[in-house]
Amino acid sequence: MSTISIKSEIAGTVWKLEAKPGDTVETDDILIILESMKMEIPVLAPRKGSVAEFRVSEGEPVTEGQVLALFTAG
C-alpha cells in the first residue's frame, strides 16, 4: 500500500468534505469540493483506496499546491 498526497490544483476555499477518514472509495469518487470564483471544483480519488486523513477543514482557504488529504491506495 502506498500513501498519496492529494494537492489542490487551484486557490480557493474548501466548500465541503465528501468523505471521512477511513472511508473506502473508488477511482474518481469525489473526496472534497473546492469553491473558487463561485465555481465548485471536485477533488477526486486518484484510484481505489481509502482516505487516510484530511489536512484541511470546511471553510478553510487553500492555495494551489497545498496538500488537502492523504490517500492510501490499495
C-alpha atoms as a PDB file:
ATOM      1  CA  MET A   1       0.000   0.000   0.000  1.00  0.00           C
ATOM      2  CA  SER A   2       1.260   3.433  -0.859  1.00  0.00           C
ATOM      3  CA  THR A   3       0.287   6.823   0.533  1.00  0.00           C
ATOM      4  CA  ILE A   4      -0.528   9.577  -1.952  1.00  0.00           C
ATOM      5  CA  SER A   5      -0.693  13.300  -1.165  1.00  0.00           C
ATOM      6  CA  ILE A   6      -3.716  14.889  -2.791  1.00  0.00           C
ATOM      7  CA  LYS A   7      -2.977  18.515  -3.624  1.00  0.00           C
ATOM      8  CA  SER A   8      -5.130  21.452  -4.636  1.00  0.00           C
ATOM      9  CA  GLU A   9      -4.857  22.480  -8.268  1.00  0.00           C
ATOM     10  CA  ILE A  10      -6.351  25.904  -7.508  1.00  0.00           C
ATOM     11  CA  ALA A  11      -6.518  28.613  -4.869  1.00  0.00           C
ATOM     12  CA  GLY A  12      -9.935  28.707  -3.250  1.00  0.00           C
ATOM     13  CA  THR A  13     -11.920  27.573  -0.233  1.00  0.00           C
ATOM     14  CA  VAL A  14     -12.860  24.113   1.000  1.00  0.00           C
ATOM     15  CA  TRP A  15     -16.613  24.090   0.475  1.00  0.00           C
ATOM     16  CA  LYS A  16     -17.370  20.518   1.541  1.00  0.00           C
ATOM     17  CA  LEU A  17     -15.632  17.315   2.609  1.00  0.00           C
ATOM     18  CA  GLU A  18     -17.484  14.498   0.844  1.00  0.00           C
ATOM     19  CA  ALA A  19     -15.709  11.606   2.568  1.00  0.00           C
ATOM     20  CA  LYS A  20     -14.436  10.801   6.053  1.00  0.00           C
ATOM     21  CA  PRO A  21     -11.052   9.435   7.126  1.00  0.00           C
ATOM     22  CA  GLY A  22     -11.179   5.664   6.837  1.00  0.00           C
ATOM     23  CA  ASP A  23     -13.751   5.661   4.029  1.00  0.00           C
ATOM     24  CA  THR A  24     -13.046   3.261   1.176  1.00  0.00           C
ATOM     25  CA  VAL A  25     -13.559   4.935  -2.200  1.00  0.00           C
ATOM     26  CA  GLU A  26     -13.389   4.041  -5.875  1.00  0.00           C
ATOM     27  CA  THR A  27     -11.424   5.783  -8.625  1.00  0.00           C
ATOM     28  CA  ASP A  28     -12.872   9.251  -9.370  1.00  0.00           C
ATOM     29  CA  ASP A  29     -15.159   9.361  -6.295  1.00  0.00           C
ATOM     30  CA  ILE A  30     -15.442  12.927  -5.014  1.00  0.00           C
ATOM     31  CA  LEU A  31     -13.406  13.483  -1.849  1.00  0.00           C
ATOM     32  CA  ILE A  32     -13.564  17.272  -1.478  1.00  0.00           C
ATOM     33  CA  ILE A  33     -15.382  20.123  -3.191  1.00  0.00           C
ATOM     34  CA  LEU A  34     -13.449  23.367  -3.508  1.00  0.00           C
ATOM     35  CA  GLU A  35     -15.023  26.718  -4.307  1.00  0.00           C
ATOM     36  CA  SER A  36     -13.216  29.300  -6.397  1.00  0.00           C
ATOM     37  CA  MET A  37     -14.743  32.312  -8.128  1.00  0.00           C
ATOM     38  CA  LYS A  38     -18.253  30.958  -7.380  1.00  0.00           C
ATOM     39  CA  MET A  39     -17.479  27.659  -9.124  1.00  0.00           C
ATOM     40  CA  GLU A  40     -17.453  24.251  -7.438  1.00  0.00           C
ATOM     41  CA  ILE A  41     -14.405  22.149  -8.286  1.00  0.00           C
ATOM     42  CA  PRO A  42     -14.405  18.470  -7.229  1.00  0.00           C
ATOM     43  CA  VAL A  43     -11.223  16.826  -5.970  1.00  0.00           C
ATOM     44  CA  LEU A  44     -11.359  13.167  -6.998  1.00  0.00           C
ATOM     45  CA  ALA A  45      -9.869   9.955  -5.651  1.00  0.00           C
ATOM     46  CA  PRO A  46      -6.896   9.067  -7.860  1.00  0.00           C
ATOM     47  CA  ARG A  47      -7.637   5.329  -7.620  1.00  0.00           C
ATOM     48  CA  LYS A  48      -9.375   2.765  -5.439  1.00  0.00           C
ATOM     49  CA  GLY A  49      -8.264   3.042  -1.821  1.00  0.00           C
ATOM     50  CA  SER A  50      -9.088   4.869   1.382  1.00  0.00           C
ATOM     51  CA  VAL A  51      -8.853   8.341   2.868  1.00  0.00           C
ATOM     52  CA  ALA A  52      -6.050   8.302   5.451  1.00  0.00           C
ATOM     53  CA  GLU A  53      -6.596  11.865   6.697  1.00  0.00           C
ATOM     54  CA  PHE A  54      -7.727  15.327   5.678  1.00  0.00           C
ATOM     55  CA  ARG A  55      -5.281  18.187   6.134  1.00  0.00           C
ATOM     56  CA  VAL A  56      -7.998  20.843   5.690  1.00  0.00           C
ATOM     57  CA  SER A  57     -11.454  21.560   7.071  1.00  0.00           C
ATOM     58  CA  GLU A  58     -14.637  23.031   5.603  1.00  0.00           C
ATOM     59  CA  GLY A  59     -14.457  26.793   5.134  1.00  0.00           C
ATOM     60  CA  GLU A  60     -10.657  26.869   5.136  1.00  0.00           C
ATOM     61  CA  PRO A  61      -8.867  28.802   2.376  1.00  0.00           C
ATOM     62  CA  VAL A  62      -6.346  26.777   0.343  1.00  0.00           C
ATOM     63  CA  THR A  63      -3.548  27.641  -2.051  1.00  0.00           C
ATOM     64  CA  GLU A  64      -2.506  25.975  -5.272  1.00  0.00           C
ATOM     65  CA  GLY A  65      -0.280  23.001  -4.493  1.00  0.00           C
ATOM     66  CA  GLN A  66      -1.384  22.724  -0.851  1.00  0.00           C
ATOM     67  CA  VAL A  67      -1.822  19.169   0.442  1.00  0.00           C
ATOM     68  CA  LEU A  68      -5.539  18.605   1.082  1.00  0.00           C
ATOM     69  CA  ALA A  69      -5.546  14.957   2.100  1.00  0.00           C
ATOM     70  CA  LEU A  70      -3.526  11.790   2.381  1.00  0.00           C
ATOM     71  CA  PHE A  71      -4.827   8.806   0.466  1.00  0.00           C
ATOM     72  CA  THR A  72      -3.873   5.155   0.813  1.00  0.00           C
ATOM     73  CA  ALA A  73      -4.021   3.250  -2.455  1.00  0.00           C
ATOM     74  CA  GLY A  74      -4.668  -0.411  -2.355  1.00  0.00           C
END
